[in-house]
PDB file of all heavy atoms in Angstrom:
ATOM      1  N   THR A   1      86.816 101.309 109.925  1.00  0.00           N
ATOM      2  CA  THR A   1      86.492 100.041 110.598  1.00  0.00           C
ATOM      3  C   THR A   1      87.501  98.950 110.256  1.00  0.00           C
ATOM      4  O   THR A   1      87.634  97.978 110.997  1.00  0.00           O
ATOM      5  CB  THR A   1      85.098  99.536 110.202  1.00  0.00           C
ATOM      6  OG1 THR A   1      85.107  99.098 108.832  1.00  0.00           O
ATOM      7  CG2 THR A   1      84.051 100.618 110.386  1.00  0.00           C
ATOM      8  N   LYS A   2      88.155  99.096 109.086  1.00  0.00           N
ATOM      9  CA  LYS A   2      89.087  98.081 108.575  1.00  0.00           C
ATOM     10  C   LYS A   2      88.412  96.721 108.374  1.00  0.00           C
ATOM     11  O   LYS A   2      89.060  95.676 108.392  1.00  0.00           O
ATOM     12  CB  LYS A   2      90.307  97.940 109.490  1.00  0.00           C
ATOM     13  CG  LYS A   2      91.188  99.186 109.550  1.00  0.00           C
ATOM     14  CD  LYS A   2      92.396  98.988 110.441  1.00  0.00           C
ATOM     15  CE  LYS A   2      93.398 100.121 110.329  1.00  0.00           C
ATOM     16  NZ  LYS A   2      92.840 101.453 110.524  1.00  0.00           N
ATOM     17  N   LYS A   3      87.090  96.742 108.208  1.00  0.00           N
ATOM     18  CA  LYS A   3      86.304  95.530 107.998  1.00  0.00           C
ATOM     19  C   LYS A   3      85.643  95.569 106.626  1.00  0.00           C
ATOM     20  O   LYS A   3      85.271  96.638 106.134  1.00  0.00           O
ATOM     21  CB  LYS A   3      85.207  95.404 109.058  1.00  0.00           C
ATOM     22  CG  LYS A   3      85.698  95.357 110.494  1.00  0.00           C
ATOM     23  CD  LYS A   3      86.197  93.978 110.871  1.00  0.00           C
ATOM     24  CE  LYS A   3      86.517  93.883 112.349  1.00  0.00           C
ATOM     25  NZ  LYS A   3      86.987  92.525 112.718  1.00  0.00           N
ATOM     26  N   SER A   4      85.485  94.401 106.003  1.00  0.00           N
ATOM     27  CA  SER A   4      84.690  94.336 104.787  1.00  0.00           C
ATOM     28  C   SER A   4      83.284  94.815 105.126  1.00  0.00           C
ATOM     29  O   SER A   4      82.685  94.369 106.109  1.00  0.00           O
ATOM     30  CB  SER A   4      84.630  92.901 104.260  1.00  0.00           C
ATOM     31  OG  SER A   4      85.900  92.483 103.820  1.00  0.00           O
ATOM     32  N   SER A   5      82.752  95.717 104.310  1.00  0.00           N
ATOM     33  CA  SER A   5      81.504  96.374 104.700  1.00  0.00           C
ATOM     34  C   SER A   5      80.835  97.040 103.510  1.00  0.00           C
ATOM     35  O   SER A   5      81.434  97.167 102.433  1.00  0.00           O
ATOM     36  CB  SER A   5      81.789  97.417 105.789  1.00  0.00           C
ATOM     37  OG  SER A   5      82.908  98.221 105.432  1.00  0.00           O
ATOM     38  N   SER A   6      79.605  97.467 103.732  1.00  0.00           N
ATOM     39  CA  SER A   6      78.888  98.182 102.673  1.00  0.00           C
ATOM     40  C   SER A   6      77.802  99.058 103.274  1.00  0.00           C
ATOM     41  O   SER A   6      77.286  98.776 104.356  1.00  0.00           O
ATOM     42  CB  SER A   6      78.286  97.208 101.655  1.00  0.00           C
ATOM     43  OG  SER A   6      77.238  96.464 102.249  1.00  0.00           O
ATOM     44  N   VAL A   7      77.484 100.116 102.548  1.00  0.00           N
ATOM     45  CA  VAL A   7      76.378 101.008 102.891  1.00  0.00           C
ATOM     46  C   VAL A   7      75.661 101.381 101.599  1.00  0.00           C
ATOM     47  O   VAL A   7      76.313 101.667 100.590  1.00  0.00           O
ATOM     48  CB  VAL A   7      76.869 102.296 103.597  1.00  0.00           C
ATOM     49  CG1 VAL A   7      75.709 103.296 103.766  1.00  0.00           C
ATOM     50  CG2 VAL A   7      77.480 101.986 104.954  1.00  0.00           C
ATOM     51  N   ILE A   8      74.332 101.365 101.638  1.00  0.00           N
ATOM     52  CA  ILE A   8      73.539 101.817 100.497  1.00  0.00           C
ATOM     53  C   ILE A   8      72.508 102.817 101.008  1.00  0.00           C
ATOM     54  O   ILE A   8      71.855 102.575 102.027  1.00  0.00           O
ATOM     55  CB  ILE A   8      72.797 100.671  99.783  1.00  0.00           C
ATOM     56  CG1 ILE A   8      73.699  99.453  99.586  1.00  0.00           C
ATOM     57  CG2 ILE A   8      72.247 101.143  98.435  1.00  0.00           C
ATOM     58  CD1 ILE A   8      72.968  98.216  99.095  1.00  0.00           C
ATOM     59  N   ILE A   9      72.377 103.926 100.302  1.00  0.00           N
ATOM     60  CA  ILE A   9      71.328 104.898 100.602  1.00  0.00           C
ATOM     61  C   ILE A   9      70.491 105.086  99.343  1.00  0.00           C
ATOM     62  O   ILE A   9      71.045 105.271  98.250  1.00  0.00           O
ATOM     63  CB  ILE A   9      71.910 106.253 101.057  1.00  0.00           C
ATOM     64  CG1 ILE A   9      72.685 106.088 102.359  1.00  0.00           C
ATOM     65  CG2 ILE A   9      70.801 107.285 101.232  1.00  0.00           C
ATOM     66  CD1 ILE A   9      73.289 107.369 102.889  1.00  0.00           C
ATOM     67  N   SER A  10      69.176 105.032  99.493  1.00  0.00           N
ATOM     68  CA  SER A  10      68.303 105.179  98.332  1.00  0.00           C
ATOM     69  C   SER A  10      67.143 106.104  98.643  1.00  0.00           C
ATOM     70  O   SER A  10      66.879 106.445  99.795  1.00  0.00           O
ATOM     71  CB  SER A  10      67.766 103.807  97.882  1.00  0.00           C
ATOM     72  OG  SER A  10      66.683 103.402  98.703  1.00  0.00           O
ATOM     73  N   ASN A  11      66.448 106.500  97.594  1.00  0.00           N
ATOM     74  CA  ASN A  11      65.175 107.203  97.728  1.00  0.00           C
ATOM     75  C   ASN A  11      64.085 106.169  97.500  1.00  0.00           C
ATOM     76  O   ASN A  11      63.897 105.703  96.377  1.00  0.00           O
ATOM     77  CB  ASN A  11      65.083 108.330  96.695  1.00  0.00           C
ATOM     78  CG  ASN A  11      63.784 109.115  96.807  1.00  0.00           C
ATOM     79  OD1 ASN A  11      62.796 108.649  97.359  1.00  0.00           O
ATOM     80  ND2 ASN A  11      63.787 110.320  96.261  1.00  0.00           N
ATOM     81  N   PRO A  12      63.335 105.793  98.548  1.00  0.00           N
ATOM     82  CA  PRO A  12      62.352 104.717  98.391  1.00  0.00           C
ATOM     83  C   PRO A  12      61.160 105.100  97.520  1.00  0.00           C
ATOM     84  O   PRO A  12      60.401 104.230  97.097  1.00  0.00           O
ATOM     85  CB  PRO A  12      61.904 104.441  99.829  1.00  0.00           C
ATOM     86  CG  PRO A  12      62.149 105.722 100.556  1.00  0.00           C
ATOM     87  CD  PRO A  12      63.368 106.315  99.929  1.00  0.00           C
ATOM     88  N   ASN A  13      61.012 106.405  97.228  1.00  0.00           N
ATOM     89  CA  ASN A  13      59.872 106.873  96.451  1.00  0.00           C
ATOM     90  C   ASN A  13      60.077 106.801  94.948  1.00  0.00           C
ATOM     91  O   ASN A  13      59.130 107.001  94.182  1.00  0.00           O
ATOM     92  CB  ASN A  13      59.540 108.315  96.846  1.00  0.00           C
ATOM     93  CG  ASN A  13      59.259 108.442  98.330  1.00  0.00           C
ATOM     94  OD1 ASN A  13      58.349 107.821  98.854  1.00  0.00           O
ATOM     95  ND2 ASN A  13      60.077 109.229  99.023  1.00  0.00           N
ATOM     96  N   ASN A  14      61.317 106.520  94.528  1.00  0.00           N
ATOM     97  CA  ASN A  14      61.560 106.366  93.080  1.00  0.00           C
ATOM     98  C   ASN A  14      62.659 105.361  92.748  1.00  0.00           C
ATOM     99  O   ASN A  14      62.919 105.095  91.575  1.00  0.00           O
ATOM    100  CB  ASN A  14      61.886 107.718  92.433  1.00  0.00           C
ATOM    101  CG  ASN A  14      63.097 108.395  93.063  1.00  0.00           C
ATOM    102  OD1 ASN A  14      63.933 107.748  93.701  1.00  0.00           O
ATOM    103  ND2 ASN A  14      63.212 109.701  92.890  1.00  0.00           N
ATOM    104  N   GLY A  15      63.323 104.801  93.762  1.00  0.00           N
ATOM    105  CA  GLY A  15      64.350 103.783  93.534  1.00  0.00           C
ATOM    106  C   GLY A  15      65.738 104.315  93.259  1.00  0.00           C
ATOM    107  O   GLY A  15      66.670 103.534  93.026  1.00  0.00           O
ATOM    108  N   GLU A  16      65.925 105.642  93.292  1.00  0.00           N
ATOM    109  CA  GLU A  16      67.254 106.204  93.042  1.00  0.00           C
ATOM    110  C   GLU A  16      68.245 105.782  94.126  1.00  0.00           C
ATOM    111  O   GLU A  16      67.928 105.812  95.311  1.00  0.00           O
ATOM    112  CB  GLU A  16      67.200 107.729  93.003  1.00  0.00           C
ATOM    113  CG  GLU A  16      66.559 108.303  91.761  1.00  0.00           C
ATOM    114  CD  GLU A  16      66.687 109.810  91.709  1.00  0.00           C
ATOM    115  OE1 GLU A  16      67.192 110.415  92.692  1.00  0.00           O
ATOM    116  OE2 GLU A  16      66.270 110.408  90.697  1.00  0.00           O
ATOM    117  N   ILE A  17      69.442 105.397  93.696  1.00  0.00           N
ATOM    118  CA  ILE A  17      70.527 105.077  94.625  1.00  0.00           C
ATOM    119  C   ILE A  17      71.401 106.315  94.772  1.00  0.00           C
ATOM    120  O   ILE A  17      71.981 106.802  93.796  1.00  0.00           O
ATOM    121  CB  ILE A  17      71.374 103.904  94.108  1.00  0.00           C
ATOM    122  CG1 ILE A  17      70.521 102.638  93.974  1.00  0.00           C
ATOM    123  CG2 ILE A  17      72.561 103.658  95.036  1.00  0.00           C
ATOM    124  CD1 ILE A  17      70.042 102.040  95.268  1.00  0.00           C
ATOM    125  N   LEU A  18      71.506 106.835  95.994  1.00  0.00           N
ATOM    126  CA  LEU A  18      72.304 108.036  96.248  1.00  0.00           C
ATOM    127  C   LEU A  18      73.747 107.686  96.604  1.00  0.00           C
ATOM    128  O   LEU A  18      74.663 108.478  96.363  1.00  0.00           O
ATOM    129  CB  LEU A  18      71.682 108.855  97.375  1.00  0.00           C
ATOM    130  CG  LEU A  18      70.223 109.283  97.154  1.00  0.00           C
ATOM    131  CD1 LEU A  18      69.713 110.059  98.355  1.00  0.00           C
ATOM    132  CD2 LEU A  18      70.087 110.111  95.886  1.00  0.00           C
ATOM    133  N   ALA A  19      73.933 106.529  97.183  1.00  0.00           N
ATOM    134  CA  ALA A  19      75.280 106.038  97.505  1.00  0.00           C
ATOM    135  C   ALA A  19      75.224 104.525  97.564  1.00  0.00           C
ATOM    136  O   ALA A  19      74.262 103.954  98.087  1.00  0.00           O
ATOM    137  CB  ALA A  19      75.775 106.610  98.832  1.00  0.00           C
ATOM    138  N   LEU A  20      76.228 103.888  97.003  1.00  0.00           N
ATOM    139  CA  LEU A  20      76.362 102.434  97.077  1.00  0.00           C
ATOM    140  C   LEU A  20      77.849 102.157  97.270  1.00  0.00           C
ATOM    141  O   LEU A  20      78.631 102.222  96.328  1.00  0.00           O
ATOM    142  CB  LEU A  20      75.826 101.765  95.825  1.00  0.00           C
ATOM    143  CG  LEU A  20      75.690 100.239  95.859  1.00  0.00           C
ATOM    144  CD1 LEU A  20      74.532  99.765  94.982  1.00  0.00           C
ATOM    145  CD2 LEU A  20      76.975  99.555  95.407  1.00  0.00           C
ATOM    146  N   VAL A  21      78.203 101.894  98.515  1.00  0.00           N
ATOM    147  CA  VAL A  21      79.608 101.808  98.903  1.00  0.00           C
ATOM    148  C   VAL A  21      79.960 100.385  99.302  1.00  0.00           C
ATOM    149  O   VAL A  21      79.207  99.736 100.034  1.00  0.00           O
ATOM    150  CB  VAL A  21      79.912 102.762 100.076  1.00  0.00           C
ATOM    151  CG1 VAL A  21      81.402 102.747 100.404  1.00  0.00           C
ATOM    152  CG2 VAL A  21      79.448 104.176  99.753  1.00  0.00           C
ATOM    153  N   SER A  22      81.083  99.914  98.801  1.00  0.00           N
ATOM    154  CA  SER A  22      81.607  98.605  99.185  1.00  0.00           C
ATOM    155  C   SER A  22      83.074  98.783  99.562  1.00  0.00           C
ATOM    156  O   SER A  22      83.874  99.285  98.762  1.00  0.00           O
ATOM    157  CB  SER A  22      81.473  97.607  98.025  1.00  0.00           C
ATOM    158  OG  SER A  22      82.066  96.365  98.351  1.00  0.00           O
ATOM    159  N   TYR A  23      83.410  98.389 100.785  1.00  0.00           N
ATOM    160  CA  TYR A  23      84.788  98.526 101.242  1.00  0.00           C
ATOM    161  C   TYR A  23      85.394  97.147 101.518  1.00  0.00           C
ATOM    162  O   TYR A  23      84.732  96.301 102.119  1.00  0.00           O
ATOM    163  CB  TYR A  23      84.863  99.371 102.519  1.00  0.00           C
ATOM    164  CG  TYR A  23      86.259  99.397 103.096  1.00  0.00           C
ATOM    165  CD1 TYR A  23      87.220 100.259 102.587  1.00  0.00           C
ATOM    166  CD2 TYR A  23      86.624  98.513 104.119  1.00  0.00           C
ATOM    167  CE1 TYR A  23      88.513 100.246 103.088  1.00  0.00           C
ATOM    168  CE2 TYR A  23      87.914  98.502 104.625  1.00  0.00           C
ATOM    169  CZ  TYR A  23      88.853  99.372 104.106  1.00  0.00           C
ATOM    170  OH  TYR A  23      90.137  99.342 104.590  1.00  0.00           O
ATOM    171  N   PRO A  24      86.655  96.910 101.086  1.00  0.00           N
ATOM    172  CA  PRO A  24      87.456  97.802 100.245  1.00  0.00           C
ATOM    173  C   PRO A  24      87.112  97.635  98.764  1.00  0.00           C
ATOM    174  O   PRO A  24      86.532  96.622  98.365  1.00  0.00           O
ATOM    175  CB  PRO A  24      88.884  97.320 100.527  1.00  0.00           C
ATOM    176  CG  PRO A  24      88.733  95.852 100.811  1.00  0.00           C
ATOM    177  CD  PRO A  24      87.413  95.718 101.522  1.00  0.00           C
ATOM    178  N   SER A  25      87.475  98.626  97.987  1.00  0.00           N
ATOM    179  CA  SER A  25      87.259  98.575  96.533  1.00  0.00           C
ATOM    180  C   SER A  25      88.579  98.783  95.812  1.00  0.00           C
ATOM    181  O   SER A  25      89.466  99.477  96.314  1.00  0.00           O
ATOM    182  CB  SER A  25      86.266  99.659  96.093  1.00  0.00           C
ATOM    183  OG  SER A  25      84.971  99.390  96.552  1.00  0.00           O
ATOM    184  N   VAL A  26      88.697  98.198  94.643  1.00  0.00           N
ATOM    185  CA  VAL A  26      89.930  98.326  93.871  1.00  0.00           C
ATOM    186  C   VAL A  26      89.929  99.629  93.085  1.00  0.00           C
ATOM    187  O   VAL A  26      88.888 100.261  92.896  1.00  0.00           O
ATOM    188  CB  VAL A  26      90.130  97.143  92.902  1.00  0.00           C
ATOM    189  CG1 VAL A  26      90.303  95.856  93.658  1.00  0.00           C
ATOM    190  CG2 VAL A  26      88.984  97.048  91.933  1.00  0.00           C
ATOM    191  N   GLU A  27      91.077 100.002  92.610  1.00  0.00           N
ATOM    192  CA  GLU A  27      91.248 101.183  91.776  1.00  0.00           C
ATOM    193  C   GLU A  27      90.967 100.826  90.322  1.00  0.00           C
ATOM    194  O   GLU A  27      91.704 100.053  89.713  1.00  0.00           O
ATOM    195  CB  GLU A  27      92.678 101.719  91.935  1.00  0.00           C
ATOM    196  CG  GLU A  27      93.022 102.902  91.065  1.00  0.00           C
ATOM    197  CD  GLU A  27      92.193 104.115  91.417  1.00  0.00           C
ATOM    198  OE1 GLU A  27      92.375 104.671  92.517  1.00  0.00           O
ATOM    199  OE2 GLU A  27      91.355 104.495  90.565  1.00  0.00           O
ATOM    200  N   SER A  28      89.901 101.376  89.768  1.00  0.00           N
ATOM    201  CA  SER A  28      89.511 101.054  88.392  1.00  0.00           C
ATOM    202  C   SER A  28      90.580 101.422  87.380  1.00  0.00           C
ATOM    203  O   SER A  28      90.709 100.796  86.324  1.00  0.00           O
ATOM    204  CB  SER A  28      88.196 101.768  88.034  1.00  0.00           C
ATOM    205  OG  SER A  28      87.138 101.323  88.852  1.00  0.00           O
ATOM    206  N   ASN A  29      91.375 102.456  87.689  1.00  0.00           N
ATOM    207  CA  ASN A  29      92.418 102.902  86.761  1.00  0.00           C
ATOM    208  C   ASN A  29      93.474 101.822  86.506  1.00  0.00           C
ATOM    209  O   ASN A  29      94.127 101.824  85.462  1.00  0.00           O
ATOM    210  CB  ASN A  29      93.097 104.163  87.294  1.00  0.00           C
ATOM    211  CG  ASN A  29      92.195 105.374  87.216  1.00  0.00           C
ATOM    212  OD1 ASN A  29      91.593 105.642  86.177  1.00  0.00           O
ATOM    213  ND2 ASN A  29      92.070 106.098  88.314  1.00  0.00           N
ATOM    214  N   LEU A  30      93.628 100.913  87.464  1.00  0.00           N
ATOM    215  CA  LEU A  30      94.603  99.833  87.278  1.00  0.00           C
ATOM    216  C   LEU A  30      94.229  98.970  86.074  1.00  0.00           C
ATOM    217  O   LEU A  30      95.099  98.535  85.313  1.00  0.00           O
ATOM    218  CB  LEU A  30      94.679  98.965  88.531  1.00  0.00           C
ATOM    219  CG  LEU A  30      95.279  99.601  89.787  1.00  0.00           C
ATOM    220  CD1 LEU A  30      95.115  98.669  90.974  1.00  0.00           C
ATOM    221  CD2 LEU A  30      96.749  99.935  89.567  1.00  0.00           C
ATOM    222  N   PHE A  31      92.936  98.729  85.891  1.00  0.00           N
ATOM    223  CA  PHE A  31      92.476  97.871  84.799  1.00  0.00           C
ATOM    224  C   PHE A  31      92.519  98.588  83.456  1.00  0.00           C
ATOM    225  O   PHE A  31      92.886  98.004  82.448  1.00  0.00           O
ATOM    226  CB  PHE A  31      91.055  97.381  85.090  1.00  0.00           C
ATOM    227  CG  PHE A  31      90.945  96.540  86.312  1.00  0.00           C
ATOM    228  CD1 PHE A  31      90.495  97.081  87.507  1.00  0.00           C
ATOM    229  CD2 PHE A  31      91.307  95.202  86.296  1.00  0.00           C
ATOM    230  CE1 PHE A  31      90.393  96.311  88.653  1.00  0.00           C
ATOM    231  CE2 PHE A  31      91.210  94.415  87.432  1.00  0.00           C
ATOM    232  CZ  PHE A  31      90.750  94.976  88.612  1.00  0.00           C
ATOM    233  N   SER A  32      92.123  99.849  83.444  1.00  0.00           N
ATOM    234  CA  SER A  32      92.068 100.569  82.169  1.00  0.00           C
ATOM    235  C   SER A  32      93.453 100.937  81.659  1.00  0.00           C
ATOM    236  O   SER A  32      93.672 101.056  80.456  1.00  0.00           O
ATOM    237  CB  SER A  32      91.216 101.844  82.309  1.00  0.00           C
ATOM    238  OG  SER A  32      91.753 102.710  83.287  1.00  0.00           O
ATOM    239  N   SER A  33      94.406 101.096  82.584  1.00  0.00           N
ATOM    240  CA  SER A  33      95.770 101.464  82.177  1.00  0.00           C
ATOM    241  C   SER A  33      96.642 100.244  81.904  1.00  0.00           C
ATOM    242  O   SER A  33      97.685 100.352  81.263  1.00  0.00           O
ATOM    243  CB  SER A  33      96.432 102.328  83.259  1.00  0.00           C
ATOM    244  OG  SER A  33      95.705 103.510  83.465  1.00  0.00           O
ATOM    245  N   GLY A  34      96.214  99.086  82.392  1.00  0.00           N
ATOM    246  CA  GLY A  34      97.006  97.865  82.212  1.00  0.00           C
ATOM    247  C   GLY A  34      97.568  97.407  83.538  1.00  0.00           C
ATOM    248  O   GLY A  34      98.379  98.101  84.160  1.00  0.00           O
ATOM    249  N   LEU A  35      97.131  96.252  83.989  1.00  0.00           N
ATOM    250  CA  LEU A  35      97.464  95.740  85.307  1.00  0.00           C
ATOM    251  C   LEU A  35      98.733  94.881  85.241  1.00  0.00           C
ATOM    252  O   LEU A  35      98.847  93.995  84.396  1.00  0.00           O
ATOM    253  CB  LEU A  35      96.285  94.899  85.807  1.00  0.00           C
ATOM    254  CG  LEU A  35      96.118  94.652  87.294  1.00  0.00           C
ATOM    255  CD1 LEU A  35      95.921  95.955  88.049  1.00  0.00           C
ATOM    256  CD2 LEU A  35      94.930  93.736  87.528  1.00  0.00           C
ATOM    257  N   SER A  36      99.670  95.140  86.152  1.00  0.00           N
ATOM    258  CA  SER A  36     100.863  94.296  86.223  1.00  0.00           C
ATOM    259  C   SER A  36     100.535  93.014  86.981  1.00  0.00           C
ATOM    260  O   SER A  36      99.532  92.937  87.705  1.00  0.00           O
ATOM    261  CB  SER A  36     102.002  95.032  86.933  1.00  0.00           C
ATOM    262  OG  SER A  36     101.704  95.180  88.310  1.00  0.00           O
ATOM    263  N   ILE A  37     101.381  92.001  86.834  1.00  0.00           N
ATOM    264  CA  ILE A  37     101.170  90.734  87.526  1.00  0.00           C
ATOM    265  C   ILE A  37     101.202  90.943  89.043  1.00  0.00           C
ATOM    266  O   ILE A  37     100.399  90.368  89.786  1.00  0.00           O
ATOM    267  CB  ILE A  37     102.246  89.705  87.114  1.00  0.00           C
ATOM    268  CG1 ILE A  37     102.081  89.350  85.633  1.00  0.00           C
ATOM    269  CG2 ILE A  37     102.155  88.449  87.976  1.00  0.00           C
ATOM    270  CD1 ILE A  37     103.150  88.454  85.093  1.00  0.00           C
TER     271      ILE A  37
END
């Protein structure tokens, strides 16, 4: 879609989250490895 967006899927009978998606998302490895300016 190239749009800021999100989708969440849950089990309403116990509150479990099966998917929680936010687009776009950053790469977590950038922070743990050291982010350049």
